[in-house]
């Protein structure tokens, strides 16, 4: 960043992508109003680390994408059998039939 290396500490959650397009899609899903509202309802902002792994694992990106109007783009990503790598584990987001609510 600005010509300097970036290092993540244990408070960061990192997702890597093979393409900028895929990274931008997941960023749009995570920054959508529906996702932000969901997280705001469950997070304790006063806590030292309000966004825990357990909280983030509750996110169903397929449902959120559908609700945010990004379902077709998410389906394209899923058809490519894309696996999103996390810091210490592999997380494969599986497209599911979206329910009526998040």
PDB file of N, CA and C in Angstrom:
ATOM      1  N   UNK A   1       0.851  -1.151   0.000  1.00  0.00           N
ATOM      2  CA  UNK A   1       0.000   0.000   0.000  1.00  0.00           C
ATOM      3  C   UNK A   1       0.907   1.226   0.000  1.00  0.00           C
ATOM      4  N   UNK A   2       0.730   2.067  -0.999  1.00  0.00           N
ATOM      5  CA  UNK A   2       1.560   3.258  -1.147  1.00  0.00           C
ATOM      6  C   UNK A   2       3.045   2.896  -1.128  1.00  0.00           C
ATOM      7  N   UNK A   3       3.384   1.773  -1.792  1.00  0.00           N
ATOM      8  CA  UNK A   3       4.775   1.357  -1.902  1.00  0.00           C
ATOM      9  C   UNK A   3       5.339   0.659  -0.681  1.00  0.00           C
ATOM     10  N   UNK A   4       4.508   0.374   0.298  1.00  0.00           N
ATOM     11  CA  UNK A   4       4.988  -0.266   1.517  1.00  0.00           C
ATOM     12  C   UNK A   4       4.259  -1.590   1.720  1.00  0.00           C
ATOM     13  N   UNK A   5       4.929  -2.579   2.316  1.00  0.00           N
ATOM     14  CA  UNK A   5       4.265  -3.870   2.550  1.00  0.00           C
ATOM     15  C   UNK A   5       3.158  -3.736   3.589  1.00  0.00           C
ATOM     16  N   UNK A   6       2.169  -4.601   3.474  1.00  0.00           N
ATOM     17  CA  UNK A   6       1.056  -4.624   4.416  1.00  0.00           C
ATOM     18  C   UNK A   6       1.130  -5.925   5.190  1.00  0.00           C
ATOM     19  N   UNK A   7       1.004  -5.840   6.492  1.00  0.00           N
ATOM     20  CA  UNK A   7       1.012  -7.019   7.354  1.00  0.00           C
ATOM     21  C   UNK A   7      -0.291  -7.063   8.129  1.00  0.00           C
ATOM     22  N   UNK A   8      -0.836  -8.268   8.269  1.00  0.00           N
ATOM     23  CA  UNK A   8      -2.068  -8.460   9.013  1.00  0.00           C
ATOM     24  C   UNK A   8      -1.745  -9.082  10.352  1.00  0.00           C
ATOM     25  N   UNK A   9      -2.459  -8.654  11.384  1.00  0.00           N
ATOM     26  CA  UNK A   9      -2.277  -9.278  12.692  1.00  0.00           C
ATOM     27  C   UNK A   9      -3.421 -10.249  12.956  1.00  0.00           C
ATOM     28  N   UNK A  10      -3.475 -10.766  14.167  1.00  0.00           N
ATOM     29  CA  UNK A  10      -4.472 -11.784  14.483  1.00  0.00           C
ATOM     30  C   UNK A  10      -5.896 -11.231  14.576  1.00  0.00           C
ATOM     31  N   UNK A  11      -6.061  -9.924  14.480  1.00  0.00           N
ATOM     32  CA  UNK A  11      -7.397  -9.324  14.530  1.00  0.00           C
ATOM     33  C   UNK A  11      -7.999  -9.149  13.134  1.00  0.00           C
ATOM     34  N   UNK A  12      -7.269  -9.554  12.104  1.00  0.00           N
ATOM     35  CA  UNK A  12      -7.742  -9.381  10.725  1.00  0.00           C
ATOM     36  C   UNK A  12      -8.233 -10.708  10.151  1.00  0.00           C
ATOM     37  N   UNK A  13      -9.232 -10.597   9.287  1.00  0.00           N
ATOM     38  CA  UNK A  13      -9.720 -11.743   8.541  1.00  0.00           C
ATOM     39  C   UNK A  13      -9.404 -11.477   7.084  1.00  0.00           C
ATOM     40  N   UNK A  14      -8.754 -12.412   6.439  1.00  0.00           N
ATOM     41  CA  UNK A  14      -8.226 -12.207   5.101  1.00  0.00           C
ATOM     42  C   UNK A  14      -8.842 -13.190   4.126  1.00  0.00           C
ATOM     43  N   UNK A  15      -9.312 -12.670   3.009  1.00  0.00           N
ATOM     44  CA  UNK A  15      -9.811 -13.506   1.918  1.00  0.00           C
ATOM     45  C   UNK A  15      -8.956 -13.209   0.695  1.00  0.00           C
ATOM     46  N   UNK A  16      -8.528 -14.235   0.008  1.00  0.00           N
ATOM     47  CA  UNK A  16      -7.739 -14.016  -1.207  1.00  0.00           C
ATOM     48  C   UNK A  16      -8.543 -14.457  -2.424  1.00  0.00           C
ATOM     49  N   UNK A  17      -8.250 -13.837  -3.556  1.00  0.00           N
ATOM     50  CA  UNK A  17      -8.983 -14.093  -4.789  1.00  0.00           C
ATOM     51  C   UNK A  17      -8.014 -14.182  -5.954  1.00  0.00           C
ATOM     52  N   UNK A  18      -8.423 -14.900  -6.988  1.00  0.00           N
ATOM     53  CA  UNK A  18      -7.630 -14.982  -8.202  1.00  0.00           C
ATOM     54  C   UNK A  18      -7.885 -13.809  -9.132  1.00  0.00           C
ATOM     55  N   UNK A  19      -9.022 -13.131  -8.950  1.00  0.00           N
ATOM     56  CA  UNK A  19      -9.319 -12.001  -9.835  1.00  0.00           C
ATOM     57  C   UNK A  19      -9.880 -10.835  -9.036  1.00  0.00           C
ATOM     58  N   UNK A  20      -9.607  -9.654  -9.523  1.00  0.00           N
ATOM     59  CA  UNK A  20     -10.133  -8.444  -8.891  1.00  0.00           C
ATOM     60  C   UNK A  20     -11.655  -8.421  -8.985  1.00  0.00           C
ATOM     61  N   UNK A  21     -12.203  -8.926 -10.082  1.00  0.00           N
ATOM     62  CA  UNK A  21     -13.655  -8.956 -10.275  1.00  0.00           C
ATOM     63  C   UNK A  21     -14.332  -9.746  -9.154  1.00  0.00           C
ATOM     64  N   UNK A  22     -13.789 -10.906  -8.824  1.00  0.00           N
ATOM     65  CA  UNK A  22     -14.366 -11.719  -7.757  1.00  0.00           C
ATOM     66  C   UNK A  22     -14.223 -11.031  -6.397  1.00  0.00           C
ATOM     67  N   UNK A  23     -13.078 -10.414  -6.171  1.00  0.00           N
ATOM     68  CA  UNK A  23     -12.861  -9.694  -4.916  1.00  0.00           C
ATOM     69  C   UNK A  23     -13.853  -8.543  -4.778  1.00  0.00           C
ATOM     70  N   UNK A  24     -14.083  -7.834  -5.859  1.00  0.00           N
ATOM     71  CA  UNK A  24     -15.037  -6.717  -5.824  1.00  0.00           C
ATOM     72  C   UNK A  24     -16.466  -7.209  -5.572  1.00  0.00           C
ATOM     73  N   UNK A  25     -16.817  -8.353  -6.130  1.00  0.00           N
ATOM     74  CA  UNK A  25     -18.151  -8.913  -5.908  1.00  0.00           C
ATOM     75  C   UNK A  25     -18.348  -9.241  -4.434  1.00  0.00           C
ATOM     76  N   UNK A  26     -17.420  -9.962  -3.838  1.00  0.00           N
ATOM     77  CA  UNK A  26     -17.552 -10.330  -2.428  1.00  0.00           C
ATOM     78  C   UNK A  26     -17.524  -9.072  -1.560  1.00  0.00           C
ATOM     79  N   UNK A  27     -16.717  -8.100  -1.926  1.00  0.00           N
ATOM     80  CA  UNK A  27     -16.696  -6.827  -1.205  1.00  0.00           C
ATOM     81  C   UNK A  27     -18.062  -6.148  -1.278  1.00  0.00           C
ATOM     82  N   UNK A  28     -18.682  -6.140  -2.448  1.00  0.00           N
ATOM     83  CA  UNK A  28     -20.007  -5.533  -2.606  1.00  0.00           C
ATOM     84  C   UNK A  28     -21.046  -6.268  -1.763  1.00  0.00           C
ATOM     85  N   UNK A  29     -20.949  -7.581  -1.708  1.00  0.00           N
ATOM     86  CA  UNK A  29     -21.889  -8.365  -0.891  1.00  0.00           C
ATOM     87  C   UNK A  29     -21.701  -8.031   0.585  1.00  0.00           C
ATOM     88  N   UNK A  30     -20.452  -8.051   1.046  1.00  0.00           N
ATOM     89  CA  UNK A  30     -20.173  -7.791   2.458  1.00  0.00           C
ATOM     90  C   UNK A  30     -20.484  -6.357   2.866  1.00  0.00           C
ATOM     91  N   UNK A  31     -20.409  -5.424   1.924  1.00  0.00           N
ATOM     92  CA  UNK A  31     -20.692  -4.024   2.216  1.00  0.00           C
ATOM     93  C   UNK A  31     -22.118  -3.615   1.877  1.00  0.00           C
ATOM     94  N   UNK A  32     -22.940  -4.573   1.453  1.00  0.00           N
ATOM     95  CA  UNK A  32     -24.330  -4.261   1.104  1.00  0.00           C
ATOM     96  C   UNK A  32     -25.106  -3.858   2.360  1.00  0.00           C
ATOM     97  N   UNK A  33     -26.169  -3.104   2.152  1.00  0.00           N
ATOM     98  CA  UNK A  33     -26.996  -2.653   3.274  1.00  0.00           C
ATOM     99  C   UNK A  33     -27.567  -3.833   4.052  1.00  0.00           C
ATOM    100  N   UNK A  34     -27.981  -4.890   3.356  1.00  0.00           N
ATOM    101  CA  UNK A  34     -28.565  -6.050   4.031  1.00  0.00           C
ATOM    102  C   UNK A  34     -27.544  -6.742   4.932  1.00  0.00           C
ATOM    103  N   UNK A  35     -26.304  -6.859   4.468  1.00  0.00           N
ATOM    104  CA  UNK A  35     -25.249  -7.489   5.274  1.00  0.00           C
ATOM    105  C   UNK A  35     -24.887  -6.604   6.463  1.00  0.00           C
ATOM    106  N   UNK A  36     -24.759  -5.318   6.212  1.00  0.00           N
ATOM    107  CA  UNK A  36     -24.417  -4.391   7.293  1.00  0.00           C
ATOM    108  C   UNK A  36     -25.503  -4.376   8.364  1.00  0.00           C
ATOM    109  N   UNK A  37     -26.757  -4.435   7.945  1.00  0.00           N
ATOM    110  CA  UNK A  37     -27.866  -4.467   8.903  1.00  0.00           C
ATOM    111  C   UNK A  37     -27.842  -5.751   9.725  1.00  0.00           C
ATOM    112  N   UNK A  38     -27.595  -6.872   9.047  1.00  0.00           N
ATOM    113  CA  UNK A  38     -27.510  -8.159   9.738  1.00  0.00           C
ATOM    114  C   UNK A  38     -26.407  -8.125  10.794  1.00  0.00           C
ATOM    115  N   UNK A  39     -25.230  -7.652  10.403  1.00  0.00           N
ATOM    116  CA  UNK A  39     -24.112  -7.600  11.345  1.00  0.00           C
ATOM    117  C   UNK A  39     -24.389  -6.628  12.489  1.00  0.00           C
ATOM    118  N   UNK A  40     -24.991  -5.485  12.175  1.00  0.00           N
ATOM    119  CA  UNK A  40     -25.286  -4.493  13.213  1.00  0.00           C
ATOM    120  C   UNK A  40     -26.244  -5.055  14.262  1.00  0.00           C
ATOM    121  N   UNK A  41     -27.137  -5.941  13.838  1.00  0.00           N
ATOM    122  CA  UNK A  41     -28.090  -6.531  14.777  1.00  0.00           C
ATOM    123  C   UNK A  41     -27.442  -7.539  15.713  1.00  0.00           C
ATOM    124  N   UNK A  42     -26.300  -8.081  15.320  1.00  0.00           N
ATOM    125  CA  UNK A  42     -25.662  -9.144  16.109  1.00  0.00           C
ATOM    126  C   UNK A  42     -24.374  -8.733  16.811  1.00  0.00           C
ATOM    127  N   UNK A  43     -23.820  -7.615  16.443  1.00  0.00           N
ATOM    128  CA  UNK A  43     -22.513  -7.231  16.960  1.00  0.00           C
ATOM    129  C   UNK A  43     -22.650  -6.410  18.244  1.00  0.00           C
ATOM    130  N   UNK A  44     -21.678  -6.540  19.101  1.00  0.00           N
ATOM    131  CA  UNK A  44     -21.586  -5.728  20.307  1.00  0.00           C
ATOM    132  C   UNK A  44     -20.450  -4.735  20.089  1.00  0.00           C
ATOM    133  N   UNK A  45     -20.761  -3.504  19.654  1.00  0.00           N
ATOM    134  CA  UNK A  45     -19.705  -2.552  19.275  1.00  0.00           C
ATOM    135  C   UNK A  45     -18.748  -2.202  20.409  1.00  0.00           C
ATOM    136  N   UNK A  46     -19.173  -2.374  21.655  1.00  0.00           N
ATOM    137  CA  UNK A  46     -18.304  -2.037  22.787  1.00  0.00           C
ATOM    138  C   UNK A  46     -17.222  -3.086  23.033  1.00  0.00           C
ATOM    139  N   UNK A  47     -17.395  -4.269  22.475  1.00  0.00           N
ATOM    140  CA  UNK A  47     -16.425  -5.329  22.729  1.00  0.00           C
ATOM    141  C   UNK A  47     -15.097  -5.044  22.037  1.00  0.00           C
ATOM    142  N   UNK A  48     -14.047  -5.659  22.546  1.00  0.00           N
ATOM    143  CA  UNK A  48     -12.697  -5.437  22.004  1.00  0.00           C
ATOM    144  C   UNK A  48     -12.627  -5.826  20.535  1.00  0.00           C
ATOM    145  N   UNK A  49     -13.191  -6.976  20.190  1.00  0.00           N
ATOM    146  CA  UNK A  49     -13.230  -7.449  18.804  1.00  0.00           C
ATOM    147  C   UNK A  49     -14.666  -7.819  18.469  1.00  0.00           C
ATOM    148  N   UNK A  50     -15.435  -6.856  17.972  1.00  0.00           N
ATOM    149  CA  UNK A  50     -16.857  -7.116  17.750  1.00  0.00           C
ATOM    150  C   UNK A  50     -17.145  -8.124  16.641  1.00  0.00           C
ATOM    151  N   UNK A  51     -16.270  -8.249  15.660  1.00  0.00           N
ATOM    152  CA  UNK A  51     -16.501  -9.171  14.546  1.00  0.00           C
ATOM    153  C   UNK A  51     -15.652 -10.423  14.753  1.00  0.00           C
ATOM    154  N   UNK A  52     -16.285 -11.463  15.261  1.00  0.00           N
ATOM    155  CA  UNK A  52     -15.590 -12.710  15.557  1.00  0.00           C
ATOM    156  C   UNK A  52     -15.736 -13.686  14.394  1.00  0.00           C
ATOM    157  N   UNK A  53     -14.933 -14.718  14.399  1.00  0.00           N
ATOM    158  CA  UNK A  53     -15.043 -15.765  13.390  1.00  0.00           C
ATOM    159  C   UNK A  53     -16.430 -16.405  13.456  1.00  0.00           C
ATOM    160  N   UNK A  54     -16.913 -16.654  14.662  1.00  0.00           N
ATOM    161  CA  UNK A  54     -18.241 -17.263  14.809  1.00  0.00           C
ATOM    162  C   UNK A  54     -19.320 -16.391  14.171  1.00  0.00           C
ATOM    163  N   UNK A  55     -19.238 -15.092  14.374  1.00  0.00           N
ATOM    164  CA  UNK A  55     -20.218 -14.185  13.771  1.00  0.00           C
ATOM    165  C   UNK A  55     -20.109 -14.210  12.251  1.00  0.00           C
ATOM    166  N   UNK A  56     -18.904 -14.123  11.724  1.00  0.00           N
ATOM    167  CA  UNK A  56     -18.707 -14.106  10.272  1.00  0.00           C
ATOM    168  C   UNK A  56     -19.133 -15.413   9.621  1.00  0.00           C
ATOM    169  N   UNK A  57     -18.980 -16.520  10.336  1.00  0.00           N
ATOM    170  CA  UNK A  57     -19.388 -17.812   9.785  1.00  0.00           C
ATOM    171  C   UNK A  57     -20.899 -17.945   9.704  1.00  0.00           C
ATOM    172  N   UNK A  58     -21.622 -17.075  10.353  1.00  0.00           N
ATOM    173  CA  UNK A  58     -23.084 -17.093  10.266  1.00  0.00           C
ATOM    174  C   UNK A  58     -23.585 -16.467   8.970  1.00  0.00           C
ATOM    175  N   UNK A  59     -22.709 -15.766   8.267  1.00  0.00           N
ATOM    176  CA  UNK A  59     -23.105 -15.115   7.020  1.00  0.00           C
ATOM    177  C   UNK A  59     -23.310 -16.155   5.924  1.00  0.00           C
ATOM    178  N   UNK A  60     -24.411 -16.058   5.237  1.00  0.00           N
ATOM    179  CA  UNK A  60     -24.666 -16.881   4.055  1.00  0.00           C
ATOM    180  C   UNK A  60     -24.559 -15.937   2.870  1.00  0.00           C
ATOM    181  N   UNK A  61     -23.405 -15.921   2.228  1.00  0.00           N
ATOM    182  CA  UNK A  61     -23.167 -14.957   1.158  1.00  0.00           C
ATOM    183  C   UNK A  61     -24.119 -15.131  -0.010  1.00  0.00           C
ATOM    184  N   UNK A  62     -24.573 -16.341  -0.266  1.00  0.00           N
ATOM    185  CA  UNK A  62     -25.530 -16.576  -1.348  1.00  0.00           C
ATOM    186  C   UNK A  62     -26.852 -15.881  -1.084  1.00  0.00           C
ATOM    187  N   UNK A  63     -27.361 -15.989   0.137  1.00  0.00           N
ATOM    188  CA  UNK A  63     -28.614 -15.338   0.502  1.00  0.00           C
ATOM    189  C   UNK A  63     -28.446 -13.825   0.493  1.00  0.00           C
ATOM    190  N   UNK A  64     -27.356 -13.353   1.061  1.00  0.00           N
ATOM    191  CA  UNK A  64     -27.112 -11.912   1.096  1.00  0.00           C
ATOM    192  C   UNK A  64     -26.996 -11.363  -0.318  1.00  0.00           C
ATOM    193  N   UNK A  65     -26.273 -12.068  -1.182  1.00  0.00           N
ATOM    194  CA  UNK A  65     -26.135 -11.629  -2.576  1.00  0.00           C
ATOM    195  C   UNK A  65     -27.497 -11.543  -3.242  1.00  0.00           C
ATOM    196  N   UNK A  66     -28.336 -12.557  -3.029  1.00  0.00           N
ATOM    197  CA  UNK A  66     -29.678 -12.566  -3.608  1.00  0.00           C
ATOM    198  C   UNK A  66     -30.479 -11.355  -3.122  1.00  0.00           C
ATOM    199  N   UNK A  67     -30.483 -11.128  -1.821  1.00  0.00           N
ATOM    200  CA  UNK A  67     -31.234 -10.021  -1.230  1.00  0.00           C
ATOM    201  C   UNK A  67     -30.688  -8.666  -1.673  1.00  0.00           C
ATOM    202  N   UNK A  68     -29.392  -8.586  -1.959  1.00  0.00           N
ATOM    203  CA  UNK A  68     -28.760  -7.329  -2.372  1.00  0.00           C
ATOM    204  C   UNK A  68     -28.827  -7.109  -3.881  1.00  0.00           C
ATOM    205  N   UNK A  69     -29.468  -8.038  -4.606  1.00  0.00           N
ATOM    206  CA  UNK A  69     -29.573  -7.904  -6.054  1.00  0.00           C
ATOM    207  C   UNK A  69     -28.330  -8.348  -6.801  1.00  0.00           C
ATOM    208  N   UNK A  70     -27.493  -9.135  -6.139  1.00  0.00           N
ATOM    209  CA  UNK A  70     -26.248  -9.613  -6.741  1.00  0.00           C
ATOM    210  C   UNK A  70     -26.253 -11.128  -6.941  1.00  0.00           C
ATOM    211  N   UNK A  71     -27.429 -11.726  -6.892  1.00  0.00           N
ATOM    212  CA  UNK A  71     -27.546 -13.177  -6.965  1.00  0.00           C
ATOM    213  C   UNK A  71     -26.987 -13.787  -8.237  1.00  0.00           C
ATOM    214  N   UNK A  72     -27.220 -13.143  -9.381  1.00  0.00           N
ATOM    215  CA  UNK A  72     -26.699 -13.682 -10.649  1.00  0.00           C
ATOM    216  C   UNK A  72     -25.177 -13.665 -10.667  1.00  0.00           C
ATOM    217  N   UNK A  73     -24.592 -12.619 -10.131  1.00  0.00           N
ATOM    218  CA  UNK A  73     -23.126 -12.542 -10.083  1.00  0.00           C
ATOM    219  C   UNK A  73     -22.558 -13.599  -9.139  1.00  0.00           C
ATOM    220  N   UNK A  74     -23.240 -13.797  -8.001  1.00  0.00           N
ATOM    221  CA  UNK A  74     -22.805 -14.818  -7.051  1.00  0.00           C
ATOM    222  C   UNK A  74     -22.901 -16.209  -7.674  1.00  0.00           C
ATOM    223  N   UNK A  75     -23.977 -16.459  -8.408  1.00  0.00           N
ATOM    224  CA  UNK A  75     -24.151 -17.758  -9.067  1.00  0.00           C
ATOM    225  C   UNK A  75     -23.020 -18.003 -10.061  1.00  0.00           C
ATOM    226  N   UNK A  76     -22.601 -16.975 -10.789  1.00  0.00           N
ATOM    227  CA  UNK A  76     -21.477 -17.102 -11.719  1.00  0.00           C
ATOM    228  C   UNK A  76     -20.214 -17.493 -10.968  1.00  0.00           C
ATOM    229  N   UNK A  77     -19.991 -16.861  -9.847  1.00  0.00           N
ATOM    230  CA  UNK A  77     -18.812 -17.177  -9.037  1.00  0.00           C
ATOM    231  C   UNK A  77     -18.874 -18.621  -8.556  1.00  0.00           C
ATOM    232  N   UNK A  78     -20.035 -19.067  -8.140  1.00  0.00           N
ATOM    233  CA  UNK A  78     -20.190 -20.436  -7.673  1.00  0.00           C
ATOM    234  C   UNK A  78     -20.001 -21.453  -8.788  1.00  0.00           C
ATOM    235  N   UNK A  79     -20.477 -21.134  -9.983  1.00  0.00           N
ATOM    236  CA  UNK A  79     -20.308 -22.055 -11.119  1.00  0.00           C
ATOM    237  C   UNK A  79     -18.837 -22.271 -11.448  1.00  0.00           C
ATOM    238  N   UNK A  80     -18.012 -21.319 -11.096  1.00  0.00           N
ATOM    239  CA  UNK A  80     -16.577 -21.471 -11.381  1.00  0.00           C
ATOM    240  C   UNK A  80     -15.891 -22.357 -10.344  1.00  0.00           C
ATOM    241  N   UNK A  81     -16.699 -22.905  -9.381  1.00  0.00           N
ATOM    242  CA  UNK A  81     -16.152 -23.759  -8.307  1.00  0.00           C
ATOM    243  C   UNK A  81     -15.038 -23.058  -7.558  1.00  0.00           C
ATOM    244  N   UNK A  82     -15.244 -21.822  -7.281  1.00  0.00           N
ATOM    245  CA  UNK A  82     -14.250 -20.971  -6.636  1.00  0.00           C
ATOM    246  C   UNK A  82     -14.171 -21.275  -5.150  1.00  0.00           C
ATOM    247  N   UNK A  83     -12.995 -21.419  -4.634  1.00  0.00           N
ATOM    248  CA  UNK A  83     -12.787 -21.596  -3.207  1.00  0.00           C
ATOM    249  C   UNK A  83     -12.085 -20.361  -2.683  1.00  0.00           C
ATOM    250  N   UNK A  84     -12.629 -19.791  -1.639  1.00  0.00           N
ATOM    251  CA  UNK A  84     -12.058 -18.598  -1.041  1.00  0.00           C
ATOM    252  C   UNK A  84     -11.181 -19.041   0.113  1.00  0.00           C
ATOM    253  N   UNK A  85      -9.908 -18.655   0.085  1.00  0.00           N
ATOM    254  CA  UNK A  85      -8.957 -19.077   1.114  1.00  0.00           C
ATOM    255  C   UNK A  85      -8.965 -18.097   2.269  1.00  0.00           C
ATOM    256  N   UNK A  86      -9.061 -18.623   3.457  1.00  0.00           N
ATOM    257  CA  UNK A  86      -8.976 -17.819   4.666  1.00  0.00           C
ATOM    258  C   UNK A  86      -7.575 -17.974   5.221  1.00  0.00           C
ATOM    259  N   UNK A  87      -7.248 -17.220   6.247  1.00  0.00           N
ATOM    260  CA  UNK A  87      -5.925 -17.209   6.836  1.00  0.00           C
ATOM    261  C   UNK A  87      -5.400 -18.610   7.127  1.00  0.00           C
ATOM    262  N   UNK A  88      -6.175 -19.420   7.854  1.00  0.00           N
ATOM    263  CA  UNK A  88      -5.658 -20.723   8.256  1.00  0.00           C
ATOM    264  C   UNK A  88      -6.525 -21.886   7.802  1.00  0.00           C
ATOM    265  N   UNK A  89      -7.541 -21.618   7.048  1.00  0.00           N
ATOM    266  CA  UNK A  89      -8.425 -22.704   6.627  1.00  0.00           C
ATOM    267  C   UNK A  89      -9.013 -22.390   5.268  1.00  0.00           C
ATOM    268  N   UNK A  90      -9.555 -23.391   4.619  1.00  0.00           N
ATOM    269  CA  UNK A  90     -10.260 -23.203   3.357  1.00  0.00           C
ATOM    270  C   UNK A  90     -11.740 -23.090   3.657  1.00  0.00           C
ATOM    271  N   UNK A  91     -12.364 -22.042   3.157  1.00  0.00           N
ATOM    272  CA  UNK A  91     -13.795 -21.862   3.321  1.00  0.00           C
ATOM    273  C   UNK A  91     -14.415 -21.905   1.935  1.00  0.00           C
ATOM    274  N   UNK A  92     -15.280 -22.858   1.696  1.00  0.00           N
ATOM    275  CA  UNK A  92     -15.955 -22.918   0.406  1.00  0.00           C
ATOM    276  C   UNK A  92     -17.394 -22.478   0.608  1.00  0.00           C
ATOM    277  N   UNK A  93     -17.744 -21.377  -0.025  1.00  0.00           N
ATOM    278  CA  UNK A  93     -19.096 -20.853   0.077  1.00  0.00           C
ATOM    279  C   UNK A  93     -19.952 -21.579  -0.955  1.00  0.00           C
ATOM    280  N   UNK A  94     -21.003 -22.223  -0.512  1.00  0.00           N
ATOM    281  CA  UNK A  94     -21.842 -23.028  -1.380  1.00  0.00           C
ATOM    282  C   UNK A  94     -23.148 -22.282  -1.613  1.00  0.00           C
ATOM    283  N   UNK A  95     -23.494 -22.127  -2.887  1.00  0.00           N
ATOM    284  CA  UNK A  95     -24.752 -21.467  -3.223  1.00  0.00           C
ATOM    285  C   UNK A  95     -25.903 -22.345  -2.787  1.00  0.00           C
ATOM    286  N   UNK A  96     -26.807 -21.783  -2.010  1.00  0.00           N
ATOM    287  CA  UNK A  96     -27.972 -22.502  -1.545  1.00  0.00           C
ATOM    288  C   UNK A  96     -29.207 -21.803  -2.051  1.00  0.00           C
ATOM    289  N   UNK A  97     -30.326 -22.516  -2.059  1.00  0.00           N
ATOM    290  CA  UNK A  97     -31.594 -21.904  -2.429  1.00  0.00           C
ATOM    291  C   UNK A  97     -31.894 -20.844  -1.391  1.00  0.00           C
ATOM    292  N   UNK A  98     -32.014 -19.556  -1.785  1.00  0.00           N
ATOM    293  CA  UNK A  98     -32.204 -18.524  -0.778  1.00  0.00           C
ATOM    294  C   UNK A  98     -33.579 -18.608  -0.114  1.00  0.00           C
ATOM    295  N   UNK A  99     -33.599 -18.542   1.237  1.00  0.00           N
ATOM    296  CA  UNK A  99     -34.887 -18.502   1.930  1.00  0.00           C
ATOM    297  C   UNK A  99     -35.491 -17.107   1.807  1.00  0.00           C
ATOM    298  N   UNK A 100     -36.632 -16.894   2.415  1.00  0.00           N
ATOM    299  CA  UNK A 100     -37.324 -15.614   2.309  1.00  0.00           C
ATOM    300  C   UNK A 100     -36.690 -14.536   3.166  1.00  0.00           C
ATOM    301  N   UNK A 101     -35.873 -14.909   4.128  1.00  0.00           N
ATOM    302  CA  UNK A 101     -35.204 -13.907   4.966  1.00  0.00           C
ATOM    303  C   UNK A 101     -33.767 -14.324   5.188  1.00  0.00           C
ATOM    304  N   UNK A 102     -32.968 -13.368   5.638  1.00  0.00           N
ATOM    305  CA  UNK A 102     -31.547 -13.594   5.882  1.00  0.00           C
ATOM    306  C   UNK A 102     -31.345 -14.174   7.237  1.00  0.00           C
TER     307      UNK A 102
END
